N, C-alpha and C. Protein backbone atom coordinates (compact mmCIF):
# COMPACT_ATOMS: atom_id res chain seq x y z
N MET A 1 21.56 5.89 3.17
CA MET A 1 20.25 6.50 3.19
C MET A 1 20.36 8.03 3.27
N LYS A 2 21.43 8.50 3.95
CA LYS A 2 21.63 9.93 4.07
C LYS A 2 21.84 10.56 2.69
N TRP A 3 22.66 9.93 1.87
CA TRP A 3 22.92 10.47 0.53
C TRP A 3 21.69 10.38 -0.35
N PHE A 4 20.91 9.35 -0.16
CA PHE A 4 19.65 9.22 -0.91
C PHE A 4 18.74 10.41 -0.61
N LEU A 5 18.62 10.77 0.66
CA LEU A 5 17.78 11.91 1.03
C LEU A 5 18.37 13.23 0.55
N ILE A 6 19.69 13.34 0.58
CA ILE A 6 20.32 14.57 0.10
C ILE A 6 20.08 14.74 -1.40
N PHE A 7 20.26 13.65 -2.15
CA PHE A 7 20.05 13.75 -3.61
C PHE A 7 18.58 13.87 -3.98
N TRP A 8 17.69 13.53 -3.07
CA TRP A 8 16.25 13.74 -3.31
C TRP A 8 15.86 15.17 -2.95
N ALA A 9 16.29 15.64 -1.77
CA ALA A 9 15.85 16.95 -1.29
C ALA A 9 16.60 18.10 -1.95
N GLY A 10 17.84 17.89 -2.36
CA GLY A 10 18.62 18.97 -2.95
C GLY A 10 17.96 19.61 -4.17
N PRO A 11 17.60 18.82 -5.19
CA PRO A 11 16.96 19.43 -6.35
C PRO A 11 15.60 20.05 -6.03
N ILE A 12 14.87 19.47 -5.08
CA ILE A 12 13.57 20.02 -4.73
C ILE A 12 13.74 21.39 -4.07
N VAL A 13 14.70 21.50 -3.16
CA VAL A 13 14.97 22.78 -2.50
C VAL A 13 15.47 23.80 -3.52
N PHE A 14 16.35 23.37 -4.41
CA PHE A 14 16.85 24.28 -5.44
C PHE A 14 15.72 24.77 -6.35
N LEU A 15 14.87 23.86 -6.80
CA LEU A 15 13.75 24.23 -7.68
C LEU A 15 12.76 25.13 -6.96
N ALA A 16 12.42 24.79 -5.72
CA ALA A 16 11.48 25.61 -4.96
C ALA A 16 12.04 27.00 -4.69
N GLY A 17 13.33 27.06 -4.36
CA GLY A 17 13.96 28.35 -4.14
C GLY A 17 13.98 29.20 -5.39
N TRP A 18 14.36 28.59 -6.51
CA TRP A 18 14.36 29.34 -7.77
C TRP A 18 12.95 29.79 -8.13
N TYR A 19 11.98 28.91 -7.98
CA TYR A 19 10.61 29.26 -8.35
C TYR A 19 10.11 30.42 -7.50
N TRP A 20 10.31 30.35 -6.19
CA TRP A 20 9.82 31.39 -5.30
C TRP A 20 10.51 32.72 -5.55
N LEU A 21 11.85 32.69 -5.67
CA LEU A 21 12.58 33.94 -5.89
C LEU A 21 12.26 34.55 -7.25
N SER A 22 12.16 33.73 -8.29
CA SER A 22 11.88 34.29 -9.62
C SER A 22 10.41 34.69 -9.76
N TYR A 23 9.51 34.00 -9.09
CA TYR A 23 8.09 34.36 -9.16
C TYR A 23 7.86 35.75 -8.57
N TYR A 24 8.52 36.02 -7.45
CA TYR A 24 8.37 37.33 -6.81
C TYR A 24 9.44 38.32 -7.26
N ASP A 25 10.25 37.95 -8.26
CA ASP A 25 11.27 38.81 -8.86
C ASP A 25 12.26 39.34 -7.82
N LEU A 26 12.66 38.48 -6.90
CA LEU A 26 13.70 38.82 -5.92
C LEU A 26 15.02 38.32 -6.48
N ASN A 27 15.61 39.08 -7.41
CA ASN A 27 16.72 38.57 -8.20
C ASN A 27 18.10 38.88 -7.65
N PHE A 28 18.26 39.82 -6.73
CA PHE A 28 19.56 40.17 -6.15
C PHE A 28 20.61 40.44 -7.23
N GLY A 29 20.19 40.92 -8.39
CA GLY A 29 21.11 41.22 -9.48
C GLY A 29 21.49 40.02 -10.32
N ILE A 30 20.89 38.86 -10.06
CA ILE A 30 21.18 37.64 -10.82
C ILE A 30 20.09 37.47 -11.88
N PHE A 31 20.50 37.42 -13.13
CA PHE A 31 19.54 37.35 -14.23
C PHE A 31 18.67 36.09 -14.14
N MET A 32 19.23 34.99 -13.67
CA MET A 32 18.49 33.73 -13.61
C MET A 32 17.30 33.80 -12.66
N LEU A 33 17.30 34.76 -11.73
CA LEU A 33 16.21 34.87 -10.77
C LEU A 33 15.18 35.92 -11.14
N THR A 34 15.24 36.45 -12.35
CA THR A 34 14.29 37.49 -12.75
C THR A 34 12.96 36.87 -13.19
N ARG A 35 11.93 37.70 -13.16
CA ARG A 35 10.61 37.24 -13.58
C ARG A 35 10.59 36.94 -15.08
N GLN A 36 11.43 37.62 -15.85
CA GLN A 36 11.50 37.36 -17.29
C GLN A 36 11.96 35.93 -17.56
N VAL A 37 12.98 35.48 -16.85
CA VAL A 37 13.47 34.11 -17.02
C VAL A 37 12.42 33.12 -16.54
N HIS A 38 11.72 33.47 -15.47
CA HIS A 38 10.65 32.62 -14.95
C HIS A 38 9.57 32.39 -16.03
N ASP A 39 9.09 33.49 -16.59
CA ASP A 39 8.06 33.38 -17.62
C ASP A 39 8.57 32.68 -18.87
N LEU A 40 9.80 33.01 -19.28
CA LEU A 40 10.38 32.38 -20.46
C LEU A 40 10.55 30.87 -20.25
N THR A 41 10.97 30.47 -19.07
CA THR A 41 11.15 29.04 -18.78
C THR A 41 9.83 28.29 -18.91
N PHE A 42 8.77 28.82 -18.33
CA PHE A 42 7.49 28.12 -18.39
C PHE A 42 6.86 28.21 -19.78
N GLN A 43 7.14 29.27 -20.53
CA GLN A 43 6.68 29.31 -21.93
C GLN A 43 7.38 28.23 -22.74
N LEU A 44 8.68 28.08 -22.53
CA LEU A 44 9.45 27.06 -23.24
C LEU A 44 8.95 25.66 -22.90
N TYR A 45 8.79 25.37 -21.61
CA TYR A 45 8.27 24.06 -21.21
C TYR A 45 6.84 23.86 -21.71
N GLY A 46 6.06 24.92 -21.73
CA GLY A 46 4.69 24.83 -22.24
C GLY A 46 4.66 24.46 -23.72
N LYS A 47 5.56 25.04 -24.50
CA LYS A 47 5.62 24.70 -25.93
C LYS A 47 6.10 23.27 -26.14
N VAL A 48 7.10 22.86 -25.36
CA VAL A 48 7.63 21.51 -25.50
C VAL A 48 6.58 20.47 -25.13
N LEU A 49 5.84 20.72 -24.05
CA LEU A 49 4.84 19.76 -23.58
C LEU A 49 3.48 19.93 -24.24
N GLY A 50 3.27 21.04 -24.92
CA GLY A 50 1.98 21.29 -25.55
C GLY A 50 0.91 21.67 -24.54
N LEU A 51 1.32 22.31 -23.46
CA LEU A 51 0.40 22.74 -22.40
C LEU A 51 0.51 24.24 -22.21
N PRO A 52 -0.55 24.85 -21.68
CA PRO A 52 -0.42 26.27 -21.31
C PRO A 52 0.58 26.42 -20.16
N PRO A 53 1.38 27.46 -20.16
CA PRO A 53 2.39 27.63 -19.12
C PRO A 53 1.83 27.69 -17.69
N GLN A 54 0.57 28.10 -17.54
CA GLN A 54 -0.03 28.19 -16.21
C GLN A 54 -0.30 26.82 -15.59
N GLU A 55 -0.38 25.78 -16.42
CA GLU A 55 -0.69 24.44 -15.91
C GLU A 55 0.56 23.69 -15.43
N ILE A 56 1.73 24.16 -15.74
CA ILE A 56 2.95 23.42 -15.43
C ILE A 56 3.31 23.45 -13.94
N PRO A 57 3.27 24.59 -13.23
CA PRO A 57 3.63 24.56 -11.80
C PRO A 57 2.78 23.59 -10.95
N PRO A 58 1.45 23.51 -11.13
CA PRO A 58 0.71 22.52 -10.35
C PRO A 58 1.10 21.08 -10.69
N LEU A 59 1.44 20.83 -11.95
CA LEU A 59 1.88 19.48 -12.32
C LEU A 59 3.21 19.14 -11.66
N VAL A 60 4.11 20.10 -11.59
CA VAL A 60 5.40 19.88 -10.94
C VAL A 60 5.19 19.65 -9.44
N ALA A 61 4.31 20.43 -8.83
CA ALA A 61 4.03 20.26 -7.40
C ALA A 61 3.43 18.88 -7.12
N ARG A 62 2.54 18.43 -7.98
CA ARG A 62 1.93 17.10 -7.82
C ARG A 62 2.99 16.01 -7.99
N ALA A 63 3.89 16.19 -8.95
CA ALA A 63 4.96 15.21 -9.15
C ALA A 63 5.89 15.17 -7.95
N ILE A 64 6.19 16.32 -7.35
CA ILE A 64 7.04 16.34 -6.16
C ILE A 64 6.33 15.65 -5.00
N ALA A 65 5.03 15.85 -4.86
CA ALA A 65 4.28 15.20 -3.79
C ALA A 65 4.29 13.68 -3.95
N VAL A 66 4.07 13.19 -5.17
CA VAL A 66 4.09 11.75 -5.41
C VAL A 66 5.49 11.20 -5.18
N ASP A 67 6.49 11.91 -5.66
CA ASP A 67 7.87 11.49 -5.46
C ASP A 67 8.21 11.43 -3.97
N SER A 68 7.74 12.39 -3.21
CA SER A 68 7.98 12.41 -1.76
C SER A 68 7.32 11.21 -1.09
N LEU A 69 6.11 10.88 -1.50
CA LEU A 69 5.44 9.70 -0.94
C LEU A 69 6.23 8.43 -1.23
N VAL A 70 6.76 8.31 -2.43
CA VAL A 70 7.57 7.14 -2.78
C VAL A 70 8.83 7.09 -1.93
N VAL A 71 9.49 8.22 -1.75
CA VAL A 71 10.71 8.26 -0.94
C VAL A 71 10.41 7.89 0.51
N PHE A 72 9.33 8.42 1.08
CA PHE A 72 8.98 8.10 2.46
C PHE A 72 8.53 6.64 2.59
N ALA A 73 7.91 6.10 1.56
CA ALA A 73 7.55 4.67 1.58
C ALA A 73 8.80 3.80 1.58
N ILE A 74 9.79 4.18 0.80
CA ILE A 74 11.06 3.44 0.79
C ILE A 74 11.73 3.52 2.15
N MET A 75 11.73 4.70 2.75
CA MET A 75 12.32 4.86 4.08
C MET A 75 11.57 4.02 5.11
N GLY A 76 10.26 4.03 5.05
CA GLY A 76 9.46 3.23 5.97
C GLY A 76 9.69 1.75 5.79
N PHE A 77 9.83 1.31 4.54
CA PHE A 77 10.09 -0.10 4.28
C PHE A 77 11.44 -0.52 4.83
N ARG A 78 12.43 0.34 4.68
CA ARG A 78 13.77 0.00 5.17
C ARG A 78 13.83 -0.03 6.70
N LYS A 79 13.00 0.75 7.35
CA LYS A 79 13.01 0.81 8.81
C LYS A 79 11.78 0.13 9.41
N ARG A 80 11.18 -0.80 8.69
CA ARG A 80 9.94 -1.41 9.14
C ARG A 80 10.09 -2.19 10.44
N ARG A 81 11.23 -2.83 10.67
CA ARG A 81 11.42 -3.59 11.90
C ARG A 81 11.52 -2.64 13.11
N GLN A 82 12.23 -1.54 12.94
CA GLN A 82 12.34 -0.56 14.03
C GLN A 82 10.98 0.08 14.31
N ILE A 83 10.23 0.37 13.28
CA ILE A 83 8.91 0.97 13.45
C ILE A 83 7.97 -0.01 14.14
N ALA A 84 8.01 -1.28 13.74
CA ALA A 84 7.16 -2.29 14.36
C ALA A 84 7.52 -2.48 15.83
N ALA A 85 8.82 -2.50 16.15
CA ALA A 85 9.24 -2.64 17.54
C ALA A 85 8.80 -1.44 18.37
N TRP A 86 8.91 -0.25 17.81
CA TRP A 86 8.45 0.95 18.51
C TRP A 86 6.95 0.90 18.75
N TRP A 87 6.21 0.46 17.73
CA TRP A 87 4.75 0.38 17.84
C TRP A 87 4.34 -0.62 18.92
N LYS A 88 4.98 -1.79 18.94
CA LYS A 88 4.66 -2.80 19.95
C LYS A 88 5.02 -2.31 21.35
N ALA A 89 6.17 -1.66 21.49
CA ALA A 89 6.57 -1.14 22.79
C ALA A 89 5.64 -0.04 23.26
N ARG A 90 5.16 0.75 22.35
CA ARG A 90 4.26 1.85 22.70
C ARG A 90 2.93 1.32 23.20
N HIS A 91 2.41 0.29 22.54
CA HIS A 91 1.12 -0.26 22.94
C HIS A 91 1.24 -1.23 24.11
N ALA A 92 2.39 -1.81 24.30
CA ALA A 92 2.56 -2.74 25.42
C ALA A 92 2.67 -1.99 26.75
N SER A 93 3.22 -0.79 26.72
CA SER A 93 3.40 -0.04 27.96
C SER A 93 2.09 0.49 28.52
N GLY A 94 1.06 0.58 27.72
CA GLY A 94 -0.22 1.11 28.19
C GLY A 94 -1.26 0.02 28.38
N SER A 95 -0.86 -1.17 28.85
CA SER A 95 -1.81 -2.26 29.01
C SER A 95 -2.72 -1.99 30.20
N SER A 96 -3.90 -2.59 30.18
CA SER A 96 -4.89 -2.35 31.22
C SER A 96 -4.52 -3.04 32.53
N ALA A 97 -3.67 -4.06 32.52
CA ALA A 97 -3.26 -4.73 33.75
C ALA A 97 -2.45 -3.79 34.64
N ASP A 98 -1.67 -2.93 34.05
CA ASP A 98 -0.89 -1.97 34.83
C ASP A 98 -1.78 -0.89 35.45
N LEU A 99 -2.87 -0.57 34.79
CA LEU A 99 -3.75 0.48 35.27
C LEU A 99 -4.62 0.02 36.43
N ALA A 100 -4.97 -1.26 36.50
CA ALA A 100 -5.88 -1.77 37.53
C ALA A 100 -5.10 -2.41 38.66
N SER A 101 -4.26 -1.67 39.34
CA SER A 101 -3.52 -2.20 40.48
C SER A 101 -4.32 -1.94 41.76
N LYS A 102 -3.91 -2.55 42.84
CA LYS A 102 -4.61 -2.38 44.12
C LYS A 102 -4.59 -0.93 44.58
N GLU A 103 -3.50 -0.22 44.31
CA GLU A 103 -3.37 1.16 44.76
C GLU A 103 -4.29 2.10 43.98
N SER A 104 -4.59 1.74 42.73
CA SER A 104 -5.39 2.66 41.92
C SER A 104 -6.89 2.40 42.04
N LEU A 105 -7.29 1.28 42.66
CA LEU A 105 -8.71 0.98 42.81
C LEU A 105 -9.31 1.77 43.98
N SER A 106 -10.55 2.11 43.84
CA SER A 106 -11.22 2.87 44.88
C SER A 106 -11.64 1.95 46.03
N SER A 107 -11.61 2.47 47.23
CA SER A 107 -12.06 1.71 48.40
C SER A 107 -13.37 2.29 48.93
N ALA A 108 -14.09 2.96 48.08
CA ALA A 108 -15.37 3.57 48.50
C ALA A 108 -16.42 2.49 48.75
N PRO A 109 -17.34 2.73 49.72
CA PRO A 109 -18.36 1.72 50.00
C PRO A 109 -19.37 1.57 48.91
């Protein structure tokens, strides 16, 4: 499961880092991080997909969000027994029988 998360998060972190650095033109002398490459990349993808380049980043963000939901659903499914046990233990510890003991009841007239 650890490698699954690494192979899922690695490209997302790499893409987000490249997008942020190239969008703000923080290139540190690396051509790949320049705003020119950023614009050229989205123009190229826009021509290939037949979309305006401005519409591509929100589509990628939406795809990452859906992909993340699928990954977390898989993780939840694999750990469903542990989650169910935690949930039962959490709700069992706060039962009303424990709260209504002789010491906690009022002795007011």
